[in-house]
Amino acid sequence: MSTPTDDVLLPFHQSRHVRHAYLSRTRTLLAALASTEDATLLTLPTLEKKDERRPTSTHVIRPLSAKEHSTLLDPQGCNCRLSSEKVNIKVMYRVAGNGEGPKMSKWDISSSLKAQIRNNTFGGNVLLGVVLDGPDAVKDSVPSKLSNLVGVTDNGLIQNSILEPGCA
């Protein structure tokens, strides 16, 4: 049986739980960003997405391929810049949870980068989330509302950051 005190404190306990889940997720992502492995598969809990049916999602975190790096810096592609030679950019995208992760970690995502990343300068260590085609993709060619916009555009400097897939 709950007491009036328990009912009053419940929102604070729930908020604490959510904050700890975000901290844990961030620690995991920072460790993957610092990793020297070619590709890392992570299963992360899904946080605060009301339309999400899955409690967890599998993500690939890996360095950019040479073609993806060229697309990112190409003025006809993403038109991005690096603040120095020592910039470490890794990409993160959600993959099928049916064991296809290792195969999907080798996919070329240049076209998704070109569609979602534009006119940014990167510095330090950056984890750049990209939404691929499929259930995660935004279906509207012109988003009907601001919350449907996906991508990272027109930033003077993105440095030492984690930008998860679907961020805007």
N, C-alpha and C. Protein backbone atom coordinates (compact mmCIF):
# COMPACT_ATOMS: atom_id res chain seq x y z
N MET A 1 0.85 -1.17 0.00
CA MET A 1 0.00 0.00 0.00
C MET A 1 0.89 1.24 0.00
N SER A 2 0.57 2.18 -0.87
CA SER A 2 1.40 3.38 -0.96
C SER A 2 0.88 4.45 -0.02
N THR A 3 1.83 5.19 0.47
CA THR A 3 1.51 6.30 1.37
C THR A 3 1.46 7.59 0.56
N PRO A 4 0.87 8.66 1.11
CA PRO A 4 0.87 9.94 0.40
C PRO A 4 2.28 10.43 0.07
N THR A 5 3.24 10.12 0.93
CA THR A 5 4.62 10.53 0.68
C THR A 5 5.17 9.81 -0.55
N ASP A 6 4.86 8.51 -0.68
CA ASP A 6 5.31 7.75 -1.85
C ASP A 6 4.73 8.33 -3.14
N ASP A 7 3.47 8.70 -3.11
CA ASP A 7 2.83 9.27 -4.30
C ASP A 7 3.46 10.60 -4.68
N VAL A 8 3.83 11.39 -3.71
CA VAL A 8 4.45 12.69 -3.99
C VAL A 8 5.86 12.50 -4.56
N LEU A 9 6.58 11.50 -4.08
CA LEU A 9 7.96 11.29 -4.51
C LEU A 9 8.08 10.50 -5.81
N LEU A 10 7.02 9.85 -6.24
CA LEU A 10 7.08 9.00 -7.43
C LEU A 10 7.63 9.74 -8.66
N PRO A 11 7.16 10.93 -9.00
CA PRO A 11 7.72 11.61 -10.18
C PRO A 11 9.23 11.87 -10.07
N PHE A 12 9.70 12.13 -8.87
CA PHE A 12 11.13 12.37 -8.67
C PHE A 12 11.93 11.08 -8.87
N HIS A 13 11.39 9.96 -8.39
CA HIS A 13 12.05 8.66 -8.58
C HIS A 13 12.07 8.28 -10.07
N GLN A 14 10.97 8.54 -10.77
CA GLN A 14 10.92 8.25 -12.20
C GLN A 14 11.91 9.12 -12.96
N SER A 15 11.99 10.39 -12.62
CA SER A 15 12.92 11.31 -13.26
C SER A 15 14.37 10.87 -13.02
N ARG A 16 14.66 10.44 -11.81
CA ARG A 16 16.00 9.96 -11.48
C ARG A 16 16.34 8.73 -12.32
N HIS A 17 15.39 7.84 -12.47
CA HIS A 17 15.60 6.63 -13.26
C HIS A 17 15.92 6.99 -14.72
N VAL A 18 15.19 7.92 -15.29
CA VAL A 18 15.41 8.35 -16.68
C VAL A 18 16.79 9.00 -16.82
N ARG A 19 17.15 9.87 -15.88
CA ARG A 19 18.47 10.52 -15.94
C ARG A 19 19.59 9.49 -15.88
N HIS A 20 19.46 8.50 -15.01
CA HIS A 20 20.49 7.46 -14.91
C HIS A 20 20.56 6.63 -16.19
N ALA A 21 19.42 6.38 -16.82
CA ALA A 21 19.42 5.64 -18.09
C ALA A 21 20.16 6.44 -19.17
N TYR A 22 19.92 7.75 -19.22
CA TYR A 22 20.64 8.59 -20.19
C TYR A 22 22.14 8.63 -19.90
N LEU A 23 22.51 8.72 -18.64
CA LEU A 23 23.94 8.71 -18.29
C LEU A 23 24.61 7.40 -18.68
N SER A 24 23.95 6.30 -18.42
CA SER A 24 24.49 5.00 -18.78
C SER A 24 24.66 4.88 -20.29
N ARG A 25 23.65 5.33 -21.03
CA ARG A 25 23.70 5.30 -22.50
C ARG A 25 24.86 6.17 -23.00
N THR A 26 25.03 7.34 -22.43
CA THR A 26 26.10 8.24 -22.85
C THR A 26 27.47 7.64 -22.57
N ARG A 27 27.64 7.03 -21.40
CA ARG A 27 28.92 6.37 -21.09
C ARG A 27 29.24 5.28 -22.11
N THR A 28 28.24 4.50 -22.48
CA THR A 28 28.43 3.43 -23.47
C THR A 28 28.82 4.01 -24.82
N LEU A 29 28.15 5.08 -25.24
CA LEU A 29 28.47 5.71 -26.53
C LEU A 29 29.86 6.34 -26.52
N LEU A 30 30.25 6.97 -25.42
CA LEU A 30 31.59 7.56 -25.33
C LEU A 30 32.66 6.48 -25.41
N ALA A 31 32.43 5.35 -24.78
CA ALA A 31 33.39 4.25 -24.85
C ALA A 31 33.52 3.74 -26.29
N ALA A 32 32.41 3.65 -27.00
CA ALA A 32 32.45 3.20 -28.40
C ALA A 32 33.16 4.23 -29.28
N LEU A 33 32.97 5.50 -29.00
CA LEU A 33 33.62 6.57 -29.76
C LEU A 33 35.13 6.52 -29.56
N ALA A 34 35.57 6.21 -28.36
CA ALA A 34 37.00 6.15 -28.05
C ALA A 34 37.65 4.85 -28.53
N SER A 35 36.85 3.85 -28.85
CA SER A 35 37.34 2.54 -29.25
C SER A 35 38.11 2.64 -30.57
N THR A 36 39.11 1.79 -30.72
CA THR A 36 39.89 1.74 -31.96
C THR A 36 39.41 0.62 -32.89
N GLU A 37 38.35 -0.07 -32.52
CA GLU A 37 37.82 -1.15 -33.35
C GLU A 37 37.24 -0.59 -34.64
N ASP A 38 37.23 -1.43 -35.69
CA ASP A 38 36.67 -1.01 -36.97
C ASP A 38 35.18 -0.75 -36.86
N ALA A 39 34.45 -1.64 -36.20
CA ALA A 39 33.01 -1.47 -36.04
C ALA A 39 32.60 -2.04 -34.69
N THR A 40 31.68 -1.36 -34.04
CA THR A 40 31.16 -1.81 -32.76
C THR A 40 29.65 -1.96 -32.90
N LEU A 41 29.13 -3.10 -32.46
CA LEU A 41 27.69 -3.30 -32.41
C LEU A 41 27.24 -3.12 -30.98
N LEU A 42 26.29 -2.22 -30.76
CA LEU A 42 25.77 -1.96 -29.42
C LEU A 42 24.27 -2.17 -29.39
N THR A 43 23.81 -2.80 -28.33
CA THR A 43 22.38 -2.89 -28.09
C THR A 43 22.07 -1.92 -26.97
N LEU A 44 21.28 -0.91 -27.30
CA LEU A 44 20.99 0.17 -26.36
C LEU A 44 19.50 0.19 -26.03
N PRO A 45 19.16 0.56 -24.80
CA PRO A 45 17.73 0.68 -24.46
C PRO A 45 17.11 1.86 -25.20
N THR A 46 15.87 1.70 -25.58
CA THR A 46 15.13 2.78 -26.23
C THR A 46 14.61 3.71 -25.15
N LEU A 47 14.90 5.00 -25.29
CA LEU A 47 14.51 5.97 -24.28
C LEU A 47 13.50 6.96 -24.84
N GLU A 48 12.39 7.11 -24.15
CA GLU A 48 11.40 8.17 -24.39
C GLU A 48 10.93 8.31 -25.83
N LYS A 49 10.71 7.22 -26.52
CA LYS A 49 10.08 7.28 -27.84
C LYS A 49 8.73 6.59 -27.71
N LYS A 50 7.69 7.36 -27.78
CA LYS A 50 6.36 6.82 -27.54
C LYS A 50 5.88 5.89 -28.65
N ASP A 51 6.36 6.09 -29.89
CA ASP A 51 5.92 5.26 -31.00
C ASP A 51 6.83 4.05 -31.23
N GLU A 52 7.82 3.86 -30.37
CA GLU A 52 8.76 2.76 -30.52
C GLU A 52 8.19 1.48 -29.92
N ARG A 53 8.24 0.41 -30.70
CA ARG A 53 7.71 -0.87 -30.23
C ARG A 53 8.78 -1.73 -29.56
N ARG A 54 10.04 -1.44 -29.80
CA ARG A 54 11.12 -2.27 -29.28
C ARG A 54 11.74 -1.66 -28.02
N PRO A 55 11.98 -2.46 -26.99
CA PRO A 55 12.60 -1.92 -25.79
C PRO A 55 14.09 -1.62 -25.97
N THR A 56 14.73 -2.29 -26.94
CA THR A 56 16.14 -2.04 -27.23
C THR A 56 16.33 -1.95 -28.73
N SER A 57 17.44 -1.36 -29.14
CA SER A 57 17.79 -1.26 -30.55
C SER A 57 19.27 -1.55 -30.70
N THR A 58 19.63 -2.20 -31.81
CA THR A 58 21.02 -2.49 -32.11
C THR A 58 21.56 -1.41 -33.05
N HIS A 59 22.72 -0.88 -32.72
CA HIS A 59 23.34 0.18 -33.52
C HIS A 59 24.75 -0.24 -33.91
N VAL A 60 25.18 0.25 -35.06
CA VAL A 60 26.58 0.13 -35.50
C VAL A 60 27.25 1.46 -35.23
N ILE A 61 28.43 1.41 -34.68
CA ILE A 61 29.28 2.59 -34.54
C ILE A 61 30.61 2.24 -35.19
N ARG A 62 30.99 3.05 -36.19
CA ARG A 62 32.20 2.75 -36.93
C ARG A 62 32.79 4.03 -37.53
N PRO A 63 34.08 3.97 -37.90
CA PRO A 63 34.68 5.13 -38.57
C PRO A 63 34.09 5.30 -39.97
N LEU A 64 34.21 6.49 -40.50
CA LEU A 64 33.78 6.75 -41.88
C LEU A 64 34.67 5.98 -42.85
N SER A 65 34.08 5.46 -43.92
CA SER A 65 34.88 4.87 -45.00
C SER A 65 35.51 6.02 -45.79
N ALA A 66 36.44 5.70 -46.66
CA ALA A 66 37.08 6.73 -47.49
C ALA A 66 36.04 7.45 -48.35
N LYS A 67 35.11 6.71 -48.92
CA LYS A 67 34.07 7.33 -49.76
C LYS A 67 33.15 8.23 -48.93
N GLU A 68 32.77 7.77 -47.74
CA GLU A 68 31.91 8.58 -46.86
C GLU A 68 32.63 9.84 -46.40
N HIS A 69 33.92 9.72 -46.11
CA HIS A 69 34.73 10.88 -45.72
C HIS A 69 34.78 11.90 -46.86
N SER A 70 34.98 11.41 -48.08
CA SER A 70 35.00 12.30 -49.25
C SER A 70 33.65 12.99 -49.44
N THR A 71 32.56 12.24 -49.28
CA THR A 71 31.22 12.80 -49.41
C THR A 71 30.99 13.89 -48.38
N LEU A 72 31.45 13.65 -47.15
CA LEU A 72 31.28 14.62 -46.07
C LEU A 72 31.98 15.94 -46.39
N LEU A 73 33.16 15.87 -47.00
CA LEU A 73 33.96 17.07 -47.26
C LEU A 73 33.71 17.69 -48.64
N ASP A 74 33.10 16.98 -49.53
CA ASP A 74 32.87 17.44 -50.90
C ASP A 74 31.87 18.59 -50.93
N PRO A 75 32.22 19.72 -51.57
CA PRO A 75 31.28 20.84 -51.68
C PRO A 75 29.98 20.48 -52.40
N GLN A 76 30.02 19.49 -53.29
CA GLN A 76 28.82 19.03 -53.97
C GLN A 76 28.09 17.96 -53.17
N GLY A 77 28.72 17.48 -52.10
CA GLY A 77 28.10 16.49 -51.22
C GLY A 77 27.56 17.18 -49.98
N CYS A 78 28.23 16.97 -48.86
CA CYS A 78 27.77 17.54 -47.58
C CYS A 78 28.34 18.93 -47.31
N ASN A 79 29.41 19.30 -47.99
CA ASN A 79 30.03 20.61 -47.83
C ASN A 79 30.44 20.88 -46.38
N CYS A 80 31.05 19.89 -45.74
CA CYS A 80 31.50 20.05 -44.35
C CYS A 80 33.01 20.27 -44.33
N ARG A 81 33.49 20.72 -43.17
CA ARG A 81 34.90 21.00 -42.97
C ARG A 81 35.37 20.37 -41.66
N LEU A 82 36.69 20.18 -41.55
CA LEU A 82 37.30 19.69 -40.32
C LEU A 82 38.11 20.82 -39.71
N SER A 83 38.03 20.99 -38.40
CA SER A 83 38.75 22.09 -37.74
C SER A 83 40.25 21.81 -37.65
N SER A 84 40.63 20.53 -37.75
CA SER A 84 42.06 20.17 -37.73
C SER A 84 42.21 18.78 -38.35
N GLU A 85 43.45 18.35 -38.47
CA GLU A 85 43.73 17.02 -39.03
C GLU A 85 43.39 15.89 -38.05
N LYS A 86 43.25 16.22 -36.77
CA LYS A 86 43.06 15.20 -35.73
C LYS A 86 41.60 14.95 -35.38
N VAL A 87 40.68 15.31 -36.24
CA VAL A 87 39.26 15.11 -35.97
C VAL A 87 38.93 13.63 -36.12
N ASN A 88 38.20 13.10 -35.15
CA ASN A 88 37.77 11.69 -35.15
C ASN A 88 36.24 11.67 -35.30
N ILE A 89 35.78 11.30 -36.49
CA ILE A 89 34.34 11.21 -36.72
C ILE A 89 33.97 9.74 -36.91
N LYS A 90 32.98 9.31 -36.15
CA LYS A 90 32.41 7.98 -36.34
C LYS A 90 30.93 8.14 -36.63
N VAL A 91 30.39 7.20 -37.38
CA VAL A 91 28.96 7.23 -37.68
C VAL A 91 28.25 6.17 -36.84
N MET A 92 26.98 6.47 -36.56
CA MET A 92 26.13 5.57 -35.77
C MET A 92 24.80 5.44 -36.50
N TYR A 93 24.37 4.22 -36.71
CA TYR A 93 23.06 4.00 -37.30
C TYR A 93 22.45 2.71 -36.77
N ARG A 94 21.13 2.69 -36.76
CA ARG A 94 20.40 1.53 -36.24
C ARG A 94 20.36 0.46 -37.32
N VAL A 95 20.51 -0.79 -36.88
CA VAL A 95 20.50 -1.93 -37.79
C VAL A 95 19.43 -2.92 -37.35
N ALA A 96 19.14 -3.84 -38.22
CA ALA A 96 18.17 -4.88 -37.91
C ALA A 96 18.68 -5.70 -36.73
N GLY A 97 17.79 -6.05 -35.84
CA GLY A 97 18.17 -6.84 -34.68
C GLY A 97 18.11 -8.33 -34.92
N ASN A 98 18.16 -8.73 -36.19
CA ASN A 98 18.03 -10.14 -36.54
C ASN A 98 19.36 -10.80 -36.87
N GLY A 99 20.45 -10.25 -36.38
CA GLY A 99 21.77 -10.82 -36.64
C GLY A 99 22.44 -10.26 -37.89
N GLU A 100 21.82 -9.30 -38.55
CA GLU A 100 22.38 -8.72 -39.77
C GLU A 100 23.37 -7.60 -39.48
N GLY A 101 23.56 -7.25 -38.22
CA GLY A 101 24.43 -6.14 -37.85
C GLY A 101 25.82 -6.18 -38.45
N PRO A 102 26.55 -7.32 -38.36
CA PRO A 102 27.90 -7.35 -38.94
C PRO A 102 27.91 -7.07 -40.44
N LYS A 103 26.91 -7.58 -41.15
CA LYS A 103 26.82 -7.33 -42.59
C LYS A 103 26.48 -5.86 -42.86
N MET A 104 25.54 -5.31 -42.08
CA MET A 104 25.12 -3.92 -42.27
C MET A 104 26.20 -2.93 -41.87
N SER A 105 27.16 -3.36 -41.05
CA SER A 105 28.23 -2.45 -40.62
C SER A 105 29.16 -2.09 -41.78
N LYS A 106 29.09 -2.82 -42.86
CA LYS A 106 29.94 -2.56 -44.01
C LYS A 106 29.22 -1.75 -45.10
N TRP A 107 27.97 -1.41 -44.88
CA TRP A 107 27.21 -0.65 -45.87
C TRP A 107 27.81 0.73 -46.11
N ASP A 108 27.72 1.19 -47.35
CA ASP A 108 28.10 2.55 -47.69
C ASP A 108 26.89 3.45 -47.42
N ILE A 109 27.04 4.43 -46.54
CA ILE A 109 25.91 5.30 -46.18
C ILE A 109 26.12 6.72 -46.71
N SER A 110 26.91 6.85 -47.78
CA SER A 110 27.19 8.17 -48.35
C SER A 110 25.92 8.93 -48.73
N SER A 111 24.95 8.24 -49.32
CA SER A 111 23.73 8.92 -49.76
C SER A 111 22.93 9.43 -48.55
N SER A 112 22.92 8.68 -47.46
CA SER A 112 22.23 9.13 -46.25
C SER A 112 22.96 10.32 -45.62
N LEU A 113 24.29 10.30 -45.65
CA LEU A 113 25.06 11.45 -45.16
C LEU A 113 24.72 12.69 -45.97
N LYS A 114 24.70 12.53 -47.29
CA LYS A 114 24.42 13.68 -48.17
C LYS A 114 23.03 14.25 -47.92
N ALA A 115 22.08 13.38 -47.60
CA ALA A 115 20.70 13.83 -47.38
C ALA A 115 20.50 14.49 -46.01
N GLN A 116 21.34 14.14 -45.02
CA GLN A 116 21.08 14.57 -43.65
C GLN A 116 22.13 15.49 -43.04
N ILE A 117 23.30 15.57 -43.63
CA ILE A 117 24.40 16.35 -43.06
C ILE A 117 24.80 17.41 -44.09
N ARG A 118 24.85 18.67 -43.66
CA ARG A 118 25.16 19.73 -44.63
C ARG A 118 25.78 20.93 -43.93
N ASN A 119 26.91 21.40 -44.49
CA ASN A 119 27.51 22.68 -44.11
C ASN A 119 27.82 22.79 -42.61
N ASN A 120 28.63 21.88 -42.12
CA ASN A 120 29.07 21.88 -40.71
C ASN A 120 30.58 21.87 -40.65
N THR A 121 31.12 22.30 -39.53
CA THR A 121 32.54 22.14 -39.23
C THR A 121 32.64 21.22 -38.03
N PHE A 122 33.49 20.20 -38.14
CA PHE A 122 33.64 19.22 -37.07
C PHE A 122 35.01 19.34 -36.43
N GLY A 123 35.06 19.13 -35.11
CA GLY A 123 36.31 19.16 -34.37
C GLY A 123 36.29 18.14 -33.25
N GLY A 124 37.45 17.67 -32.85
CA GLY A 124 37.55 16.72 -31.75
C GLY A 124 36.98 15.36 -32.10
N ASN A 125 36.24 14.79 -31.17
CA ASN A 125 35.61 13.47 -31.35
C ASN A 125 34.12 13.66 -31.54
N VAL A 126 33.61 13.18 -32.67
CA VAL A 126 32.19 13.36 -32.98
C VAL A 126 31.58 12.02 -33.37
N LEU A 127 30.47 11.71 -32.73
CA LEU A 127 29.67 10.54 -33.10
C LEU A 127 28.46 11.09 -33.85
N LEU A 128 28.39 10.78 -35.13
CA LEU A 128 27.40 11.36 -36.02
C LEU A 128 26.33 10.33 -36.37
N GLY A 129 25.13 10.52 -35.83
CA GLY A 129 24.03 9.60 -36.07
C GLY A 129 23.37 9.84 -37.41
N VAL A 130 23.06 8.75 -38.10
CA VAL A 130 22.43 8.83 -39.41
C VAL A 130 21.24 7.87 -39.43
N VAL A 131 20.13 8.33 -40.00
CA VAL A 131 18.94 7.49 -40.15
C VAL A 131 19.00 6.88 -41.54
N LEU A 132 18.91 5.55 -41.60
CA LEU A 132 18.91 4.85 -42.89
C LEU A 132 17.48 4.67 -43.37
N ASP A 133 17.32 4.17 -44.58
CA ASP A 133 15.99 3.85 -45.10
C ASP A 133 15.36 2.77 -44.23
N GLY A 134 14.07 2.65 -44.29
CA GLY A 134 13.37 1.63 -43.53
C GLY A 134 12.44 2.26 -42.52
N PRO A 135 12.13 1.53 -41.44
CA PRO A 135 11.15 2.04 -40.49
C PRO A 135 11.59 3.31 -39.76
N ASP A 136 12.89 3.59 -39.73
CA ASP A 136 13.38 4.78 -39.05
C ASP A 136 13.30 6.03 -39.92
N ALA A 137 13.21 5.84 -41.23
CA ALA A 137 13.29 6.97 -42.16
C ALA A 137 12.06 7.86 -42.06
N VAL A 138 12.30 9.15 -42.30
CA VAL A 138 11.20 10.11 -42.40
C VAL A 138 10.63 9.97 -43.80
N LYS A 139 9.33 9.73 -43.89
CA LYS A 139 8.71 9.42 -45.18
C LYS A 139 8.41 10.66 -46.02
N ASP A 140 8.14 11.80 -45.40
CA ASP A 140 7.76 12.99 -46.14
C ASP A 140 8.98 13.60 -46.83
N SER A 141 8.84 13.95 -48.13
CA SER A 141 9.94 14.63 -48.80
C SER A 141 10.07 16.06 -48.25
N VAL A 142 8.96 16.67 -47.90
CA VAL A 142 8.96 17.95 -47.19
C VAL A 142 8.24 17.68 -45.88
N PRO A 143 8.98 17.69 -44.76
CA PRO A 143 8.34 17.37 -43.48
C PRO A 143 7.15 18.27 -43.20
N SER A 144 6.07 17.65 -42.71
CA SER A 144 4.85 18.41 -42.45
C SER A 144 4.92 19.18 -41.14
N LYS A 145 5.86 18.81 -40.27
CA LYS A 145 6.03 19.56 -39.03
C LYS A 145 7.50 19.53 -38.63
N LEU A 146 7.88 20.46 -37.82
CA LEU A 146 9.28 20.63 -37.43
C LEU A 146 9.86 19.37 -36.79
N SER A 147 9.05 18.62 -36.04
CA SER A 147 9.56 17.44 -35.34
C SER A 147 9.96 16.33 -36.31
N ASN A 148 9.57 16.42 -37.59
CA ASN A 148 9.94 15.40 -38.57
C ASN A 148 11.26 15.69 -39.27
N LEU A 149 11.85 16.85 -39.02
CA LEU A 149 13.14 17.17 -39.63
C LEU A 149 14.23 16.29 -39.02
N VAL A 150 15.07 15.74 -39.86
CA VAL A 150 16.16 14.89 -39.40
C VAL A 150 17.44 15.37 -40.05
N GLY A 151 18.48 15.52 -39.27
CA GLY A 151 19.77 15.88 -39.83
C GLY A 151 20.44 17.00 -39.07
N VAL A 152 21.67 17.29 -39.50
CA VAL A 152 22.49 18.30 -38.84
C VAL A 152 22.99 19.24 -39.93
N THR A 153 22.57 20.51 -39.86
CA THR A 153 22.95 21.46 -40.89
C THR A 153 23.37 22.80 -40.31
N ASP A 154 24.27 23.46 -41.03
CA ASP A 154 24.66 24.85 -40.77
C ASP A 154 25.14 25.12 -39.35
N ASN A 155 26.14 24.35 -38.89
CA ASN A 155 26.72 24.57 -37.57
C ASN A 155 28.17 25.02 -37.73
N GLY A 156 28.51 26.12 -37.07
CA GLY A 156 29.86 26.67 -37.14
C GLY A 156 30.92 25.72 -36.59
N LEU A 157 30.60 24.98 -35.53
CA LEU A 157 31.52 24.01 -34.96
C LEU A 157 30.76 22.99 -34.14
N ILE A 158 30.92 21.74 -34.50
CA ILE A 158 30.41 20.61 -33.71
C ILE A 158 31.65 19.89 -33.21
N GLN A 159 31.88 19.96 -31.91
CA GLN A 159 33.11 19.43 -31.34
C GLN A 159 32.80 18.59 -30.12
N ASN A 160 33.47 17.42 -30.04
CA ASN A 160 33.32 16.51 -28.90
C ASN A 160 31.84 16.30 -28.58
N SER A 161 31.11 15.78 -29.55
CA SER A 161 29.66 15.66 -29.43
C SER A 161 29.16 14.28 -29.83
N ILE A 162 28.01 13.92 -29.27
CA ILE A 162 27.28 12.74 -29.68
C ILE A 162 25.96 13.22 -30.26
N LEU A 163 25.75 12.97 -31.54
CA LEU A 163 24.53 13.32 -32.23
C LEU A 163 23.88 12.01 -32.68
N GLU A 164 22.87 11.57 -31.95
CA GLU A 164 22.27 10.27 -32.22
C GLU A 164 21.41 10.29 -33.48
N PRO A 165 21.19 9.13 -34.10
CA PRO A 165 20.34 9.08 -35.29
C PRO A 165 18.97 9.71 -35.03
N GLY A 166 18.54 10.52 -35.97
CA GLY A 166 17.24 11.17 -35.84
C GLY A 166 17.29 12.53 -35.20
N CYS A 167 18.48 12.97 -34.79
CA CYS A 167 18.55 14.30 -34.16
C CYS A 167 18.34 15.37 -35.21
N ALA A 168 17.92 16.52 -34.76
CA ALA A 168 17.70 17.63 -35.69
C ALA A 168 18.26 18.91 -35.08
